[in-house]
PDB file of all heavy atoms in Angstrom:
ATOM      1  N   LEU A   1      -5.067   8.038  -6.340  1.00  0.00           N
ATOM      2  CA  LEU A   1      -4.933   7.089  -5.242  1.00  0.00           C
ATOM      3  C   LEU A   1      -4.054   5.935  -5.680  1.00  0.00           C
ATOM      4  O   LEU A   1      -4.287   5.319  -6.717  1.00  0.00           O
ATOM      5  CB  LEU A   1      -6.310   6.578  -4.817  1.00  0.00           C
ATOM      6  CG  LEU A   1      -6.311   5.490  -3.739  1.00  0.00           C
ATOM      7  CD1 LEU A   1      -5.817   6.057  -2.410  1.00  0.00           C
ATOM      8  CD2 LEU A   1      -7.699   4.901  -3.576  1.00  0.00           C
ATOM      9  N   VAL A   2      -3.048   5.631  -4.872  1.00  0.00           N
ATOM     10  CA  VAL A   2      -2.154   4.515  -5.135  1.00  0.00           C
ATOM     11  C   VAL A   2      -2.615   3.273  -4.379  1.00  0.00           C
ATOM     12  O   VAL A   2      -2.745   2.190  -4.949  1.00  0.00           O
ATOM     13  CB  VAL A   2      -0.704   4.859  -4.751  1.00  0.00           C
ATOM     14  CG1 VAL A   2       0.208   3.648  -4.945  1.00  0.00           C
ATOM     15  CG2 VAL A   2      -0.205   6.047  -5.565  1.00  0.00           C
ATOM     16  N   ALA A   3      -2.843   3.423  -3.089  1.00  0.00           N
ATOM     17  CA  ALA A   3      -3.265   2.312  -2.246  1.00  0.00           C
ATOM     18  C   ALA A   3      -3.986   2.846  -1.027  1.00  0.00           C
ATOM     19  O   ALA A   3      -3.759   3.979  -0.598  1.00  0.00           O
ATOM     20  CB  ALA A   3      -2.068   1.458  -1.830  1.00  0.00           C
ATOM     21  N   HIS A   4      -4.811   2.008  -0.455  1.00  0.00           N
ATOM     22  CA  HIS A   4      -5.682   2.387   0.650  1.00  0.00           C
ATOM     23  C   HIS A   4      -5.800   1.195   1.588  1.00  0.00           C
ATOM     24  O   HIS A   4      -5.845   0.040   1.141  1.00  0.00           O
ATOM     25  CB  HIS A   4      -7.046   2.787   0.065  1.00  0.00           C
ATOM     26  CG  HIS A   4      -8.156   2.966   1.036  1.00  0.00           C
ATOM     27  ND1 HIS A   4      -8.938   1.913   1.476  1.00  0.00           N
ATOM     28  CD2 HIS A   4      -8.648   4.080   1.629  1.00  0.00           C
ATOM     29  CE1 HIS A   4      -9.855   2.374   2.305  1.00  0.00           C
ATOM     30  NE2 HIS A   4      -9.701   3.684   2.409  1.00  0.00           N
ATOM     31  N   ILE A   5      -5.847   1.473   2.895  1.00  0.00           N
ATOM     32  CA  ILE A   5      -5.983   0.394   3.873  1.00  0.00           C
ATOM     33  C   ILE A   5      -6.903   0.840   4.997  1.00  0.00           C
ATOM     34  O   ILE A   5      -6.790   1.954   5.515  1.00  0.00           O
ATOM     35  CB  ILE A   5      -4.599  -0.056   4.402  1.00  0.00           C
ATOM     36  CG1 ILE A   5      -4.738  -1.269   5.322  1.00  0.00           C
ATOM     37  CG2 ILE A   5      -3.873   1.097   5.092  1.00  0.00           C
ATOM     38  CD1 ILE A   5      -3.402  -1.930   5.644  1.00  0.00           C
ATOM     39  N   THR A   6      -7.829  -0.015   5.378  1.00  0.00           N
ATOM     40  CA  THR A   6      -8.757   0.292   6.460  1.00  0.00           C
ATOM     41  C   THR A   6      -8.118   0.004   7.804  1.00  0.00           C
ATOM     42  O   THR A   6      -7.033  -0.570   7.900  1.00  0.00           O
ATOM     43  CB  THR A   6     -10.048  -0.526   6.327  1.00  0.00           C
ATOM     44  OG1 THR A   6      -9.753  -1.913   6.549  1.00  0.00           O
ATOM     45  CG2 THR A   6     -10.676  -0.340   4.957  1.00  0.00           C
ATOM     46  N   ARG A   7      -8.797   0.397   8.863  1.00  0.00           N
ATOM     47  CA  ARG A   7      -8.306   0.141  10.209  1.00  0.00           C
ATOM     48  C   ARG A   7      -8.077  -1.349  10.437  1.00  0.00           C
ATOM     49  O   ARG A   7      -7.124  -1.748  11.112  1.00  0.00           O
ATOM     50  CB  ARG A   7      -9.295   0.682  11.242  1.00  0.00           C
ATOM     51  CG  ARG A   7      -8.807   0.597  12.673  1.00  0.00           C
ATOM     52  CD  ARG A   7      -9.928   0.861  13.674  1.00  0.00           C
ATOM     53  NE  ARG A   7     -10.646   2.086  13.403  1.00  0.00           N
ATOM     54  CZ  ARG A   7     -11.889   2.140  12.936  1.00  0.00           C
ATOM     55  NH1 ARG A   7     -12.556   1.020  12.678  1.00  0.00           N
ATOM     56  NH2 ARG A   7     -12.469   3.313  12.733  1.00  0.00           N
ATOM     57  N   GLY A   8      -8.956  -2.170   9.872  1.00  0.00           N
ATOM     58  CA  GLY A   8      -8.860  -3.607  10.048  1.00  0.00           C
ATOM     59  C   GLY A   8      -7.935  -4.313   9.085  1.00  0.00           C
ATOM     60  O   GLY A   8      -7.786  -5.540   9.170  1.00  0.00           O
ATOM     61  N   GLY A   9      -7.324  -3.575   8.149  1.00  0.00           N
ATOM     62  CA  GLY A   9      -6.350  -4.170   7.260  1.00  0.00           C
ATOM     63  C   GLY A   9      -6.841  -4.526   5.871  1.00  0.00           C
ATOM     64  O   GLY A   9      -6.100  -5.137   5.093  1.00  0.00           O
ATOM     65  N   ASN A  10      -8.061  -4.163   5.522  1.00  0.00           N
ATOM     66  CA  ASN A  10      -8.549  -4.389   4.169  1.00  0.00           C
ATOM     67  C   ASN A  10      -7.862  -3.412   3.217  1.00  0.00           C
ATOM     68  O   ASN A  10      -7.798  -2.214   3.489  1.00  0.00           O
ATOM     69  CB  ASN A  10     -10.060  -4.203   4.109  1.00  0.00           C
ATOM     70  CG  ASN A  10     -10.645  -4.611   2.788  1.00  0.00           C
ATOM     71  OD1 ASN A  10     -10.243  -5.609   2.202  1.00  0.00           O
ATOM     72  ND2 ASN A  10     -11.619  -3.846   2.311  1.00  0.00           N
ATOM     73  N   THR A  11      -7.347  -3.911   2.098  1.00  0.00           N
ATOM     74  CA  THR A  11      -6.544  -3.087   1.200  1.00  0.00           C
ATOM     75  C   THR A  11      -7.162  -2.935  -0.175  1.00  0.00           C
ATOM     76  O   THR A  11      -7.962  -3.764  -0.624  1.00  0.00           O
ATOM     77  CB  THR A  11      -5.130  -3.667   1.043  1.00  0.00           C
ATOM     78  OG1 THR A  11      -5.219  -4.994   0.501  1.00  0.00           O
ATOM     79  CG2 THR A  11      -4.416  -3.712   2.380  1.00  0.00           C
ATOM     80  N   HIS A  12      -6.771  -1.878  -0.843  1.00  0.00           N
ATOM     81  CA  HIS A  12      -7.177  -1.586  -2.210  1.00  0.00           C
ATOM     82  C   HIS A  12      -5.975  -0.982  -2.926  1.00  0.00           C
ATOM     83  O   HIS A  12      -5.254  -0.163  -2.359  1.00  0.00           O
ATOM     84  CB  HIS A  12      -8.348  -0.600  -2.226  1.00  0.00           C
ATOM     85  CG  HIS A  12      -8.630  -0.020  -3.576  1.00  0.00           C
ATOM     86  ND1 HIS A  12      -9.404  -0.664  -4.508  1.00  0.00           N
ATOM     87  CD2 HIS A  12      -8.228   1.144  -4.153  1.00  0.00           C
ATOM     88  CE1 HIS A  12      -9.464   0.071  -5.599  1.00  0.00           C
ATOM     89  NE2 HIS A  12      -8.762   1.174  -5.412  1.00  0.00           N
ATOM     90  N   TYR A  13      -5.773  -1.369  -4.187  1.00  0.00           N
ATOM     91  CA  TYR A  13      -4.671  -0.857  -4.987  1.00  0.00           C
ATOM     92  C   TYR A  13      -5.157  -0.369  -6.333  1.00  0.00           C
ATOM     93  O   TYR A  13      -6.067  -0.956  -6.931  1.00  0.00           O
ATOM     94  CB  TYR A  13      -3.618  -1.942  -5.231  1.00  0.00           C
ATOM     95  CG  TYR A  13      -2.972  -2.471  -3.980  1.00  0.00           C
ATOM     96  CD1 TYR A  13      -3.486  -3.578  -3.322  1.00  0.00           C
ATOM     97  CD2 TYR A  13      -1.839  -1.850  -3.455  1.00  0.00           C
ATOM     98  CE1 TYR A  13      -2.890  -4.058  -2.172  1.00  0.00           C
ATOM     99  CE2 TYR A  13      -1.238  -2.330  -2.303  1.00  0.00           C
ATOM    100  CZ  TYR A  13      -1.768  -3.431  -1.670  1.00  0.00           C
ATOM    101  OH  TYR A  13      -1.169  -3.906  -0.523  1.00  0.00           O
ATOM    102  N   ASP A  14      -4.535   0.687  -6.806  1.00  0.00           N
ATOM    103  CA  ASP A  14      -4.755   1.082  -8.185  1.00  0.00           C
ATOM    104  C   ASP A  14      -4.193  -0.005  -9.099  1.00  0.00           C
ATOM    105  O   ASP A  14      -3.173  -0.635  -8.775  1.00  0.00           O
ATOM    106  CB  ASP A  14      -4.078   2.419  -8.476  1.00  0.00           C
ATOM    107  CG  ASP A  14      -4.341   2.897  -9.885  1.00  0.00           C
ATOM    108  OD1 ASP A  14      -5.426   3.453 -10.129  1.00  0.00           O
ATOM    109  OD2 ASP A  14      -3.459   2.713 -10.747  1.00  0.00           O
ATOM    110  N   SER A  15      -4.843  -0.216 -10.222  1.00  0.00           N
ATOM    111  CA  SER A  15      -4.429  -1.289 -11.122  1.00  0.00           C
ATOM    112  C   SER A  15      -2.991  -1.123 -11.615  1.00  0.00           C
ATOM    113  O   SER A  15      -2.323  -2.112 -11.934  1.00  0.00           O
ATOM    114  CB  SER A  15      -5.379  -1.380 -12.314  1.00  0.00           C
ATOM    115  OG  SER A  15      -5.384  -0.180 -13.057  1.00  0.00           O
ATOM    116  N   SER A  16      -2.503   0.104 -11.671  1.00  0.00           N
ATOM    117  CA  SER A  16      -1.159   0.358 -12.169  1.00  0.00           C
ATOM    118  C   SER A  16      -0.065  -0.124 -11.221  1.00  0.00           C
ATOM    119  O   SER A  16       1.082  -0.279 -11.642  1.00  0.00           O
ATOM    120  CB  SER A  16      -0.966   1.849 -12.450  1.00  0.00           C
ATOM    121  OG  SER A  16      -1.009   2.607 -11.255  1.00  0.00           O
ATOM    122  N   VAL A  17      -0.406  -0.356  -9.952  1.00  0.00           N
ATOM    123  CA  VAL A  17       0.602  -0.767  -8.978  1.00  0.00           C
ATOM    124  C   VAL A  17       0.303  -2.117  -8.353  1.00  0.00           C
ATOM    125  O   VAL A  17       1.153  -2.665  -7.632  1.00  0.00           O
ATOM    126  CB  VAL A  17       0.778   0.284  -7.861  1.00  0.00           C
ATOM    127  CG1 VAL A  17       1.080   1.657  -8.459  1.00  0.00           C
ATOM    128  CG2 VAL A  17      -0.460   0.350  -6.973  1.00  0.00           C
ATOM    129  N   ALA A  18      -0.874  -2.655  -8.594  1.00  0.00           N
ATOM    130  CA  ALA A  18      -1.241  -3.946  -8.018  1.00  0.00           C
ATOM    131  C   ALA A  18      -0.228  -5.014  -8.413  1.00  0.00           C
ATOM    132  O   ALA A  18       0.158  -5.129  -9.579  1.00  0.00           O
ATOM    133  CB  ALA A  18      -2.640  -4.347  -8.475  1.00  0.00           C
ATOM    134  N   GLY A  19       0.207  -5.782  -7.431  1.00  0.00           N
ATOM    135  CA  GLY A  19       1.200  -6.811  -7.667  1.00  0.00           C
ATOM    136  C   GLY A  19       2.623  -6.343  -7.477  1.00  0.00           C
ATOM    137  O   GLY A  19       3.540  -7.171  -7.362  1.00  0.00           O
ATOM    138  N   ARG A  20       2.838  -5.031  -7.462  1.00  0.00           N
ATOM    139  CA  ARG A  20       4.174  -4.469  -7.254  1.00  0.00           C
ATOM    140  C   ARG A  20       4.313  -3.756  -5.920  1.00  0.00           C
ATOM    141  O   ARG A  20       5.379  -3.781  -5.310  1.00  0.00           O
ATOM    142  CB  ARG A  20       4.527  -3.496  -8.381  1.00  0.00           C
ATOM    143  CG  ARG A  20       4.555  -4.129  -9.762  1.00  0.00           C
ATOM    144  CD  ARG A  20       5.102  -3.155 -10.809  1.00  0.00           C
ATOM    145  NE  ARG A  20       4.252  -1.978 -10.948  1.00  0.00           N
ATOM    146  CZ  ARG A  20       4.663  -0.720 -10.740  1.00  0.00           C
ATOM    147  NH1 ARG A  20       5.915  -0.477 -10.374  1.00  0.00           N
ATOM    148  NH2 ARG A  20       3.820   0.289 -10.896  1.00  0.00           N
ATOM    149  N   PHE A  21       3.240  -3.101  -5.478  1.00  0.00           N
ATOM    150  CA  PHE A  21       3.251  -2.338  -4.233  1.00  0.00           C
ATOM    151  C   PHE A  21       2.445  -3.070  -3.166  1.00  0.00           C
ATOM    152  O   PHE A  21       1.464  -3.764  -3.469  1.00  0.00           O
ATOM    153  CB  PHE A  21       2.630  -0.952  -4.433  1.00  0.00           C
ATOM    154  CG  PHE A  21       3.418   0.002  -5.300  1.00  0.00           C
ATOM    155  CD1 PHE A  21       4.523  -0.417  -6.028  1.00  0.00           C
ATOM    156  CD2 PHE A  21       3.041   1.332  -5.375  1.00  0.00           C
ATOM    157  CE1 PHE A  21       5.236   0.462  -6.829  1.00  0.00           C
ATOM    158  CE2 PHE A  21       3.747   2.225  -6.170  1.00  0.00           C
ATOM    159  CZ  PHE A  21       4.842   1.794  -6.896  1.00  0.00           C
ATOM    160  N   THR A  22       2.827  -2.877  -1.915  1.00  0.00           N
ATOM    161  CA  THR A  22       2.107  -3.440  -0.784  1.00  0.00           C
ATOM    162  C   THR A  22       1.934  -2.376   0.289  1.00  0.00           C
ATOM    163  O   THR A  22       2.912  -1.786   0.742  1.00  0.00           O
ATOM    164  CB  THR A  22       2.842  -4.646  -0.186  1.00  0.00           C
ATOM    165  OG1 THR A  22       3.030  -5.654  -1.185  1.00  0.00           O
ATOM    166  CG2 THR A  22       2.032  -5.239   0.968  1.00  0.00           C
ATOM    167  N   ILE A  23       0.692  -2.140   0.684  1.00  0.00           N
ATOM    168  CA  ILE A  23       0.416  -1.206   1.766  1.00  0.00           C
ATOM    169  C   ILE A  23       0.172  -1.992   3.049  1.00  0.00           C
ATOM    170  O   ILE A  23      -0.431  -3.066   3.031  1.00  0.00           O
ATOM    171  CB  ILE A  23      -0.789  -0.299   1.427  1.00  0.00           C
ATOM    172  CG1 ILE A  23      -0.931   0.821   2.470  1.00  0.00           C
ATOM    173  CG2 ILE A  23      -2.077  -1.095   1.294  1.00  0.00           C
ATOM    174  CD1 ILE A  23      -1.938   1.897   2.073  1.00  0.00           C
ATOM    175  N   SER A  24       0.661  -1.462   4.163  1.00  0.00           N
ATOM    176  CA  SER A  24       0.465  -2.094   5.455  1.00  0.00           C
ATOM    177  C   SER A  24       0.415  -1.013   6.520  1.00  0.00           C
ATOM    178  O   SER A  24       0.716   0.156   6.253  1.00  0.00           O
ATOM    179  CB  SER A  24       1.584  -3.105   5.755  1.00  0.00           C
ATOM    180  OG  SER A  24       2.852  -2.466   5.791  1.00  0.00           O
ATOM    181  N   ARG A  25       0.040  -1.392   7.738  1.00  0.00           N
ATOM    182  CA  ARG A  25      -0.030  -0.408   8.811  1.00  0.00           C
ATOM    183  C   ARG A  25       0.289  -1.047  10.143  1.00  0.00           C
ATOM    184  O   ARG A  25       0.104  -2.258  10.341  1.00  0.00           O
ATOM    185  CB  ARG A  25      -1.406   0.269   8.857  1.00  0.00           C
ATOM    186  CG  ARG A  25      -2.560  -0.662   9.195  1.00  0.00           C
ATOM    187  CD  ARG A  25      -3.906   0.027   8.964  1.00  0.00           C
ATOM    188  NE  ARG A  25      -4.170   1.075   9.939  1.00  0.00           N
ATOM    189  CZ  ARG A  25      -5.151   1.969   9.842  1.00  0.00           C
ATOM    190  NH1 ARG A  25      -5.954   1.941   8.778  1.00  0.00           N
ATOM    191  NH2 ARG A  25      -5.332   2.882  10.783  1.00  0.00           N
ATOM    192  N   ASP A  26       0.749  -0.223  11.062  1.00  0.00           N
ATOM    193  CA  ASP A  26       1.009  -0.616  12.430  1.00  0.00           C
ATOM    194  C   ASP A  26       0.174   0.307  13.297  1.00  0.00           C
ATOM    195  O   ASP A  26       0.545   1.459  13.530  1.00  0.00           O
ATOM    196  CB  ASP A  26       2.495  -0.499  12.760  1.00  0.00           C
ATOM    197  CG  ASP A  26       2.837  -1.008  14.145  1.00  0.00           C
ATOM    198  OD1 ASP A  26       1.946  -1.074  15.013  1.00  0.00           O
ATOM    199  OD2 ASP A  26       4.016  -1.349  14.368  1.00  0.00           O
ATOM    200  N   ASN A  27      -0.968  -0.173  13.753  1.00  0.00           N
ATOM    201  CA  ASN A  27      -1.889   0.675  14.503  1.00  0.00           C
ATOM    202  C   ASN A  27      -1.302   1.151  15.829  1.00  0.00           C
ATOM    203  O   ASN A  27      -1.615   2.242  16.295  1.00  0.00           O
ATOM    204  CB  ASN A  27      -3.202  -0.061  14.740  1.00  0.00           C
ATOM    205  CG  ASN A  27      -4.001  -0.255  13.469  1.00  0.00           C
ATOM    206  OD1 ASN A  27      -3.838   0.483  12.499  1.00  0.00           O
ATOM    207  ND2 ASN A  27      -4.880  -1.252  13.471  1.00  0.00           N
ATOM    208  N   ALA A  28      -0.459   0.337  16.440  1.00  0.00           N
ATOM    209  CA  ALA A  28       0.161   0.723  17.700  1.00  0.00           C
ATOM    210  C   ALA A  28       1.098   1.909  17.527  1.00  0.00           C
ATOM    211  O   ALA A  28       1.321   2.670  18.469  1.00  0.00           O
ATOM    212  CB  ALA A  28       0.908  -0.457  18.312  1.00  0.00           C
ATOM    213  N   LYS A  29       1.660   2.056  16.329  1.00  0.00           N
ATOM    214  CA  LYS A  29       2.590   3.150  16.050  1.00  0.00           C
ATOM    215  C   LYS A  29       1.974   4.250  15.202  1.00  0.00           C
ATOM    216  O   LYS A  29       2.666   5.200  14.830  1.00  0.00           O
ATOM    217  CB  LYS A  29       3.839   2.605  15.347  1.00  0.00           C
ATOM    218  CG  LYS A  29       4.658   1.656  16.203  1.00  0.00           C
ATOM    219  CD  LYS A  29       5.927   1.246  15.484  1.00  0.00           C
ATOM    220  CE  LYS A  29       6.755   0.307  16.347  1.00  0.00           C
ATOM    221  NZ  LYS A  29       7.237   0.993  17.585  1.00  0.00           N
ATOM    222  N   ASN A  30       0.686   4.130  14.881  1.00  0.00           N
ATOM    223  CA  ASN A  30      -0.003   5.114  14.045  1.00  0.00           C
ATOM    224  C   ASN A  30       0.755   5.364  12.742  1.00  0.00           C
ATOM    225  O   ASN A  30       0.918   6.505  12.302  1.00  0.00           O
ATOM    226  CB  ASN A  30      -0.191   6.432  14.804  1.00  0.00           C
ATOM    227  CG  ASN A  30      -1.141   6.299  15.976  1.00  0.00           C
ATOM    228  OD1 ASN A  30      -2.078   5.502  15.946  1.00  0.00           O
ATOM    229  ND2 ASN A  30      -0.915   7.090  17.015  1.00  0.00           N
ATOM    230  N   THR A  31       1.191   4.289  12.129  1.00  0.00           N
ATOM    231  CA  THR A  31       2.047   4.385  10.955  1.00  0.00           C
ATOM    232  C   THR A  31       1.520   3.514   9.822  1.00  0.00           C
ATOM    233  O   THR A  31       1.060   2.393  10.053  1.00  0.00           O
ATOM    234  CB  THR A  31       3.483   3.968  11.303  1.00  0.00           C
ATOM    235  OG1 THR A  31       4.002   4.842  12.316  1.00  0.00           O
ATOM    236  CG2 THR A  31       4.396   4.050  10.084  1.00  0.00           C
ATOM    237  N   VAL A  32       1.608   4.038   8.606  1.00  0.00           N
ATOM    238  CA  VAL A  32       1.273   3.295   7.404  1.00  0.00           C
ATOM    239  C   VAL A  32       2.513   3.231   6.523  1.00  0.00           C
ATOM    240  O   VAL A  32       3.316   4.167   6.487  1.00  0.00           O
ATOM    241  CB  VAL A  32       0.079   3.926   6.656  1.00  0.00           C
ATOM    242  CG1 VAL A  32       0.416   5.335   6.159  1.00  0.00           C
ATOM    243  CG2 VAL A  32      -0.372   3.043   5.510  1.00  0.00           C
ATOM    244  N   TYR A  33       2.676   2.111   5.813  1.00  0.00           N
ATOM    245  CA  TYR A  33       3.840   1.875   4.979  1.00  0.00           C
ATOM    246  C   TYR A  33       3.409   1.587   3.545  1.00  0.00           C
ATOM    247  O   TYR A  33       2.309   1.112   3.292  1.00  0.00           O
ATOM    248  CB  TYR A  33       4.651   0.683   5.483  1.00  0.00           C
ATOM    249  CG  TYR A  33       5.043   0.765   6.935  1.00  0.00           C
ATOM    250  CD1 TYR A  33       4.252   0.178   7.919  1.00  0.00           C
ATOM    251  CD2 TYR A  33       6.202   1.428   7.327  1.00  0.00           C
ATOM    252  CE1 TYR A  33       4.603   0.247   9.252  1.00  0.00           C
ATOM    253  CE2 TYR A  33       6.555   1.501   8.660  1.00  0.00           C
ATOM    254  CZ  TYR A  33       5.762   0.913   9.622  1.00  0.00           C
ATOM    255  OH  TYR A  33       6.118   0.992  10.948  1.00  0.00           O
ATOM    256  N   LEU A  34       4.310   1.850   2.628  1.00  0.00           N
ATOM    257  CA  LEU A  34       4.109   1.467   1.239  1.00  0.00           C
ATOM    258  C   LEU A  34       5.402   0.856   0.724  1.00  0.00           C
ATOM    259  O   LEU A  34       6.385   1.568   0.506  1.00  0.00           O
ATOM    260  CB  LEU A  34       3.707   2.659   0.371  1.00  0.00           C
ATOM    261  CG  LEU A  34       3.337   2.319  -1.075  1.00  0.00           C
ATOM    262  CD1 LEU A  34       2.052   1.495  -1.120  1.00  0.00           C
ATOM    263  CD2 LEU A  34       3.192   3.584  -1.919  1.00  0.00           C
ATOM    264  N   GLN A  35       5.409  -0.456   0.563  1.00  0.00           N
ATOM    265  CA  GLN A  35       6.546  -1.151  -0.015  1.00  0.00           C
ATOM    266  C   GLN A  35       6.387  -1.134  -1.527  1.00  0.00           C
ATOM    267  O   GLN A  35       5.396  -1.640  -2.051  1.00  0.00           O
ATOM    268  CB  GLN A  35       6.619  -2.586   0.494  1.00  0.00           C
ATOM    269  CG  GLN A  35       7.756  -3.408  -0.101  1.00  0.00           C
ATOM    270  CD  GLN A  35       9.119  -2.911   0.310  1.00  0.00           C
ATOM    271  OE1 GLN A  35       9.345  -2.663   1.488  1.00  0.00           O
ATOM    272  NE2 GLN A  35      10.020  -2.755  -0.644  1.00  0.00           N
ATOM    273  N   MET A  36       7.355  -0.564  -2.220  1.00  0.00           N
ATOM    274  CA  MET A  36       7.292  -0.415  -3.662  1.00  0.00           C
ATOM    275  C   MET A  36       8.405  -1.240  -4.302  1.00  0.00           C
ATOM    276  O   MET A  36       9.585  -0.968  -4.096  1.00  0.00           O
ATOM    277  CB  MET A  36       7.418   1.054  -4.062  1.00  0.00           C
ATOM    278  CG  MET A  36       6.376   1.959  -3.409  1.00  0.00           C
ATOM    279  SD  MET A  36       6.443   3.666  -4.013  1.00  0.00           S
ATOM    280  CE  MET A  36       8.055   4.147  -3.388  1.00  0.00           C
ATOM    281  N   ASN A  37       8.029  -2.243  -5.067  1.00  0.00           N
ATOM    282  CA  ASN A  37       8.970  -3.105  -5.763  1.00  0.00           C
ATOM    283  C   ASN A  37       8.800  -2.960  -7.267  1.00  0.00           C
ATOM    284  O   ASN A  37       7.779  -2.473  -7.748  1.00  0.00           O
ATOM    285  CB  ASN A  37       8.762  -4.567  -5.355  1.00  0.00           C
ATOM    286  CG  ASN A  37       8.994  -4.820  -3.891  1.00  0.00           C
ATOM    287  OD1 ASN A  37       9.851  -4.197  -3.264  1.00  0.00           O
ATOM    288  ND2 ASN A  37       8.243  -5.759  -3.331  1.00  0.00           N
ATOM    289  N   SER A  38       9.799  -3.419  -7.999  1.00  0.00           N
ATOM    290  CA  SER A  38       9.766  -3.383  -9.465  1.00  0.00           C
ATOM    291  C   SER A  38       9.381  -2.003  -9.981  1.00  0.00           C
ATOM    292  O   SER A  38       8.520  -1.854 -10.856  1.00  0.00           O
ATOM    293  CB  SER A  38       8.797  -4.445 -10.000  1.00  0.00           C
ATOM    294  OG  SER A  38       9.174  -5.740  -9.572  1.00  0.00           O
ATOM    295  N   LEU A  39      10.022  -0.993  -9.446  1.00  0.00           N
ATOM    296  CA  LEU A  39       9.663   0.379  -9.780  1.00  0.00           C
ATOM    297  C   LEU A  39       9.943   0.702 -11.243  1.00  0.00           C
ATOM    298  O   LEU A  39      10.917   0.223 -11.828  1.00  0.00           O
ATOM    299  CB  LEU A  39      10.414   1.349  -8.874  1.00  0.00           C
ATOM    300  CG  LEU A  39       9.832   1.454  -7.460  1.00  0.00           C
ATOM    301  CD1 LEU A  39      10.855   2.051  -6.506  1.00  0.00           C
ATOM    302  CD2 LEU A  39       8.560   2.293  -7.472  1.00  0.00           C
ATOM    303  N   LYS A  40       9.063   1.519 -11.799  1.00  0.00           N
ATOM    304  CA  LYS A  40       9.140   1.937 -13.191  1.00  0.00           C
ATOM    305  C   LYS A  40       9.281   3.454 -13.265  1.00  0.00           C
ATOM    306  O   LYS A  40       8.862   4.156 -12.344  1.00  0.00           O
ATOM    307  CB  LYS A  40       7.874   1.512 -13.943  1.00  0.00           C
ATOM    308  CG  LYS A  40       7.555   0.035 -13.860  1.00  0.00           C
ATOM    309  CD  LYS A  40       6.214  -0.263 -14.523  1.00  0.00           C
ATOM    310  CE  LYS A  40       5.872  -1.731 -14.438  1.00  0.00           C
ATOM    311  NZ  LYS A  40       4.566  -2.029 -15.068  1.00  0.00           N
ATOM    312  N   PRO A  41       9.826   3.986 -14.352  1.00  0.00           N
ATOM    313  CA  PRO A  41       9.922   5.441 -14.479  1.00  0.00           C
ATOM    314  C   PRO A  41       8.579   6.143 -14.313  1.00  0.00           C
ATOM    315  O   PRO A  41       8.533   7.255 -13.776  1.00  0.00           O
ATOM    316  CB  PRO A  41      10.484   5.628 -15.891  1.00  0.00           C
ATOM    317  CG  PRO A  41      11.304   4.402 -16.120  1.00  0.00           C
ATOM    318  CD  PRO A  41      10.531   3.300 -15.454  1.00  0.00           C
ATOM    319  N   GLU A  42       7.505   5.520 -14.746  1.00  0.00           N
ATOM    320  CA  GLU A  42       6.193   6.124 -14.624  1.00  0.00           C
ATOM    321  C   GLU A  42       5.683   6.189 -13.188  1.00  0.00           C
ATOM    322  O   GLU A  42       4.649   6.801 -12.919  1.00  0.00           O
ATOM    323  CB  GLU A  42       5.162   5.410 -15.513  1.00  0.00           C
ATOM    324  CG  GLU A  42       5.159   3.909 -15.357  1.00  0.00           C
ATOM    325  CD  GLU A  42       5.988   3.204 -16.419  1.00  0.00           C
ATOM    326  OE1 GLU A  42       7.123   3.645 -16.693  1.00  0.00           O
ATOM    327  OE2 GLU A  42       5.501   2.199 -16.980  1.00  0.00           O
TER     328      GLU A  42
END
């Protein structure tokens, strides 16, 4: 698991990506996003 988001927007991140990745969602579009910054080879 990399990241998780509830219907209401509560989020959880794996420690390896916390601070670098951001999960979000648009309920009207039934879409979830993952913004990944400072990417590493791992």
